[in-house]
């Protein structure tokens, strides 16, 4: 996580908050984009490692319940 500068573009990763059958073909152009975003991405170990404890409380509880 980092400080946000005025006027800086913000991005939102749906893996932080969704747990459903959501599916999106992303075309954001970011070098680190997964290209496909789903409502179950929070289950991927790589995503959990990337975001640590910065998930929504709901998703964080789900992660903790499966570990």
Protein backbone atom coordinates (compact mmCIF):
# COMPACT_ATOMS: atom_id res chain seq x y z
CA UNK A 1 0.00 0.00 0.00
CA UNK A 2 1.14 3.54 -0.57
CA UNK A 3 0.16 7.16 -0.14
CA UNK A 4 -2.14 8.56 -2.83
CA UNK A 5 -1.31 11.83 -4.53
CA UNK A 6 -3.97 14.35 -5.55
CA UNK A 7 -5.08 13.62 -9.11
CA UNK A 8 -3.61 10.11 -9.11
CA UNK A 9 -5.68 7.44 -10.84
CA UNK A 10 -7.07 4.77 -8.50
CA UNK A 11 -7.82 1.19 -9.41
CA UNK A 12 -10.03 -1.29 -7.60
CA UNK A 13 -9.47 -5.05 -7.56
CA UNK A 14 -12.77 -6.91 -7.21
CA UNK A 15 -10.89 -9.80 -5.58
CA UNK A 16 -10.86 -7.66 -2.45
CA UNK A 17 -14.63 -7.69 -1.99
CA UNK A 18 -16.46 -10.23 -4.19
CA UNK A 19 -17.39 -13.84 -3.55
CA UNK A 20 -19.81 -14.75 -6.29
CA UNK A 21 -19.99 -15.92 -9.91
CA UNK A 22 -18.70 -12.55 -11.17
CA UNK A 23 -16.52 -12.64 -14.32
CA UNK A 24 -14.84 -9.77 -16.17
CA UNK A 25 -12.45 -9.65 -19.11
CA UNK A 26 -10.27 -6.72 -18.02
CA UNK A 27 -8.68 -4.42 -20.56
CA UNK A 28 -7.05 -1.95 -18.16
CA UNK A 29 -3.64 -2.33 -19.81
CA UNK A 30 -1.69 -2.65 -16.57
CA UNK A 31 1.42 -4.83 -16.72
CA UNK A 32 0.23 -6.71 -13.62
CA UNK A 33 -3.38 -7.21 -14.79
CA UNK A 34 -4.76 -10.76 -14.47
CA UNK A 35 -6.75 -10.15 -17.71
CA UNK A 36 -9.66 -12.17 -16.25
CA UNK A 37 -11.19 -11.11 -12.95
CA UNK A 38 -13.64 -13.32 -11.09
CA UNK A 39 -15.58 -13.30 -7.86
CA UNK A 40 -13.43 -16.16 -6.62
CA UNK A 41 -9.97 -14.66 -7.22
CA UNK A 42 -9.52 -14.13 -3.48
CA UNK A 43 -9.07 -17.93 -3.24
CA UNK A 44 -5.82 -17.82 -5.25
CA UNK A 45 -2.72 -18.06 -3.04
CA UNK A 46 -0.93 -15.51 -5.24
CA UNK A 47 -3.70 -12.95 -4.64
CA UNK A 48 -3.73 -13.68 -0.91
CA UNK A 49 0.03 -13.19 -0.81
CA UNK A 50 -0.17 -9.97 -2.81
CA UNK A 51 -2.82 -8.33 -0.61
CA UNK A 52 -2.12 -9.85 2.81
CA UNK A 53 -4.70 -8.56 5.29
CA UNK A 54 -5.99 -5.77 3.03
CA UNK A 55 -9.12 -7.65 1.92
CA UNK A 56 -12.58 -6.59 3.03
CA UNK A 57 -13.49 -8.01 6.45
CA UNK A 58 -15.95 -10.41 4.79
CA UNK A 59 -13.35 -11.88 2.42
CA UNK A 60 -10.62 -11.89 5.07
CA UNK A 61 -12.84 -14.01 7.36
CA UNK A 62 -13.42 -16.45 4.49
CA UNK A 63 -9.67 -16.72 3.85
CA UNK A 64 -8.96 -17.29 7.52
CA UNK A 65 -11.65 -19.98 7.72
CA UNK A 66 -10.00 -22.10 4.98
CA UNK A 67 -6.45 -21.91 6.35
